[in-house]
Amino acid sequence: MTNNQQQTKYIALVISILIFLSLNFGLGPTTLFGMAETMQNLTHYYFGVGTFTIDYLMIALFPFFSVLLLTKRENFSFIELITNSFKILICSLIAFSVGLLILTKIGKHENPLIPEYLLTEPFNLYSTFWIGIGIIIPFLLKNKTEQKIIEIDNIGQKSE
């Protein structure tokens, strides 16, 4: 492991710690309530999805997870780390959106006294579950592409 890679890993860890501290002690709750109002105006549903410290920790560890995506590479740059972080972020946003879409179907109450626009989590840590799925998706896609590259190399070696 080169010195540059070691520095990149330390930078990713420091960024993760700073993101966690800012989400847990400041930006997280205020951003969440702003998003809830915007989502309610767009979808006409109020999503009763709670966030926990573990959600903030998982979001803050995006740079660390992107380092894990690059572990088998001998050389990687800071730009590759950032692009992998964005891949994980996009996959998590898509997975969380799918979770909210599913919540519109299963989160409705049977009690007629509760308004239909109020949707609640079907189980505790629902948001954590969908964020975790979003984090896992890039790892699954990476393994598939690596296997295809190995298969292509094997085919090329057999034909020679």
Protein backbone atom coordinates (compact mmCIF):
# COMPACT_ATOMS: atom_id res chain seq x y z
CA MET A 1 0.00 0.00 0.00
CA THR A 2 1.44 3.33 -1.03
CA ASN A 3 1.62 6.40 1.16
CA ASN A 4 -0.94 8.13 -1.06
CA GLN A 5 -3.45 5.32 -0.52
CA GLN A 6 -2.90 5.48 3.23
CA GLN A 7 -3.51 9.24 3.18
CA THR A 8 -6.67 8.75 1.13
CA LYS A 9 -7.98 6.24 3.67
CA TYR A 10 -7.28 8.63 6.55
CA ILE A 11 -8.97 11.47 4.69
CA ALA A 12 -12.03 9.25 4.10
CA LEU A 13 -12.14 8.40 7.80
CA VAL A 14 -11.87 12.06 8.84
CA ILE A 15 -14.60 13.02 6.35
CA SER A 16 -16.81 10.24 7.75
CA ILE A 17 -16.32 11.48 11.31
CA LEU A 18 -17.08 15.08 10.32
CA ILE A 19 -20.21 14.07 8.42
CA PHE A 20 -21.44 12.01 11.37
CA LEU A 21 -20.87 14.82 13.85
CA SER A 22 -22.60 17.37 11.63
CA LEU A 23 -25.58 15.07 10.98
CA ASN A 24 -25.99 13.85 14.53
CA PHE A 25 -25.56 17.17 16.29
CA GLY A 26 -26.88 19.74 13.86
CA LEU A 27 -27.82 19.27 10.25
CA GLY A 28 -29.63 15.93 10.53
CA PRO A 29 -32.83 16.89 12.34
CA THR A 30 -33.22 20.28 10.62
CA THR A 31 -32.64 18.82 7.16
CA LEU A 32 -35.01 15.95 7.86
CA PHE A 33 -37.88 18.22 8.83
CA GLY A 34 -37.31 20.38 5.75
CA MET A 35 -37.33 17.28 3.55
CA ALA A 36 -40.50 15.95 5.19
CA GLU A 37 -42.38 19.14 4.33
CA THR A 38 -41.13 19.11 0.74
CA MET A 39 -42.03 15.43 0.33
CA GLN A 40 -45.51 16.08 1.72
CA ASN A 41 -46.06 18.90 -0.78
CA LEU A 42 -44.88 16.73 -3.69
CA THR A 43 -46.62 13.45 -2.84
CA HIS A 44 -49.51 14.55 -0.61
CA TYR A 45 -48.37 11.97 1.95
CA TYR A 46 -46.71 12.53 5.29
CA PHE A 47 -44.09 9.83 5.79
CA GLY A 48 -43.73 9.00 9.47
CA VAL A 49 -40.24 7.61 9.03
CA GLY A 50 -37.95 8.20 11.96
CA THR A 51 -34.22 8.61 11.79
CA PHE A 52 -31.83 7.25 14.34
CA THR A 53 -28.17 7.70 15.14
CA ILE A 54 -27.44 4.50 13.23
CA ASP A 55 -28.93 6.11 10.08
CA TYR A 56 -26.60 9.08 10.46
CA LEU A 57 -23.69 6.70 11.06
CA MET A 58 -24.47 4.71 7.91
CA ILE A 59 -24.74 7.90 5.83
CA ALA A 60 -21.53 9.25 7.33
CA LEU A 61 -19.68 6.05 6.45
CA PHE A 62 -20.25 6.44 2.69
CA PRO A 63 -16.58 7.47 2.17
CA PHE A 64 -15.45 4.48 4.24
CA PHE A 65 -17.64 2.12 2.20
CA SER A 66 -16.20 3.59 -0.99
CA VAL A 67 -12.71 2.73 0.34
CA LEU A 68 -13.97 -0.84 0.81
CA LEU A 69 -15.09 -0.85 -2.83
CA LEU A 70 -11.52 -0.02 -3.83
CA THR A 71 -9.72 -2.49 -1.54
CA LYS A 72 -8.74 -4.98 -4.25
CA ARG A 73 -7.16 -2.31 -6.41
CA GLU A 74 -3.47 -1.67 -6.07
CA ASN A 75 -3.68 1.98 -7.10
CA PHE A 76 -6.61 4.30 -6.58
CA SER A 77 -7.01 8.02 -6.41
CA PHE A 78 -9.04 10.43 -4.36
CA ILE A 79 -11.30 11.07 -7.37
CA GLU A 80 -12.18 7.36 -7.58
CA LEU A 81 -13.02 7.51 -3.89
CA ILE A 82 -15.36 10.45 -4.46
CA THR A 83 -17.05 8.81 -7.46
CA ASN A 84 -17.63 5.63 -5.46
CA SER A 85 -19.08 7.70 -2.61
CA PHE A 86 -21.51 9.28 -5.07
CA LYS A 87 -22.41 5.85 -6.46
CA ILE A 88 -23.24 4.68 -2.95
CA LEU A 89 -25.18 7.89 -2.28
CA ILE A 90 -27.23 7.53 -5.47
CA CYS A 91 -27.95 3.84 -4.79
CA SER A 92 -29.01 4.69 -1.23
CA LEU A 93 -31.29 7.48 -2.43
CA ILE A 94 -32.87 5.17 -5.00
CA ALA A 95 -33.30 2.38 -2.43
CA PHE A 96 -34.77 4.81 0.12
CA SER A 97 -37.15 6.16 -2.54
CA VAL A 98 -38.25 2.61 -3.33
CA GLY A 99 -38.80 2.13 0.40
CA LEU A 100 -41.00 5.23 0.50
CA LEU A 101 -42.89 4.02 -2.57
CA ILE A 102 -43.51 0.68 -0.88
CA LEU A 103 -44.56 2.57 2.24
CA THR A 104 -47.33 4.28 0.24
CA LYS A 105 -48.79 0.83 -0.41
CA ILE A 106 -48.28 -0.87 2.96
CA GLY A 107 -48.15 2.06 5.37
CA LYS A 108 -51.82 3.01 5.25
CA HIS A 109 -53.88 2.55 8.36
CA GLU A 110 -56.99 0.43 8.56
CA ASN A 111 -58.47 2.71 11.20
CA PRO A 112 -60.83 5.20 9.49
CA LEU A 113 -60.11 7.83 12.15
CA ILE A 114 -56.48 8.20 11.02
CA PRO A 115 -56.10 10.31 7.86
CA GLU A 116 -54.96 8.47 4.72
CA TYR A 117 -52.06 10.84 4.08
CA LEU A 118 -50.28 9.74 7.30
CA LEU A 119 -47.96 6.83 6.58
CA THR A 120 -45.96 5.14 9.30
CA GLU A 121 -43.09 2.68 9.33
CA PRO A 122 -44.22 -0.96 9.26
CA PHE A 123 -41.33 -1.89 11.56
CA ASN A 124 -38.66 -0.16 13.60
CA LEU A 125 -35.50 0.89 11.70
CA TYR A 126 -37.35 0.85 8.35
CA SER A 127 -35.21 3.70 7.01
CA THR A 128 -32.02 1.98 8.19
CA PHE A 129 -33.03 -1.15 6.29
CA TRP A 130 -33.44 0.73 2.98
CA ILE A 131 -30.27 2.77 3.43
CA GLY A 132 -28.41 -0.50 4.08
CA ILE A 133 -29.80 -2.02 0.90
CA GLY A 134 -28.61 1.06 -0.98
CA ILE A 135 -25.12 0.58 0.44
CA ILE A 136 -25.04 -3.12 -0.49
CA ILE A 137 -26.09 -2.60 -4.14
CA PRO A 138 -22.74 -1.14 -5.37
CA PHE A 139 -20.87 -4.06 -3.79
CA LEU A 140 -23.12 -6.55 -5.59
CA LEU A 141 -22.74 -4.71 -8.90
CA LYS A 142 -18.96 -4.52 -8.45
CA ASN A 143 -18.66 -8.28 -7.91
CA LYS A 144 -20.70 -9.00 -11.05
CA THR A 145 -18.54 -6.76 -13.23
CA GLU A 146 -15.33 -8.20 -11.76
CA GLN A 147 -16.54 -11.73 -12.52
CA LYS A 148 -17.36 -10.74 -16.12
CA ILE A 149 -13.91 -9.20 -16.58
CA ILE A 150 -12.28 -12.39 -15.26
CA GLU A 151 -14.44 -14.50 -17.62
CA ILE A 152 -13.48 -12.31 -20.57
CA ASP A 153 -9.80 -12.64 -19.66
CA ASN A 154 -10.15 -16.42 -19.40
CA ILE A 155 -11.81 -16.60 -22.83
CA GLY A 156 -9.00 -14.49 -24.30
CA GLN A 157 -6.35 -16.76 -22.77
CA LYS A 158 -8.05 -19.94 -24.06
CA SER A 159 -8.19 -18.66 -27.62
CA GLU A 160 -4.46 -17.85 -27.63
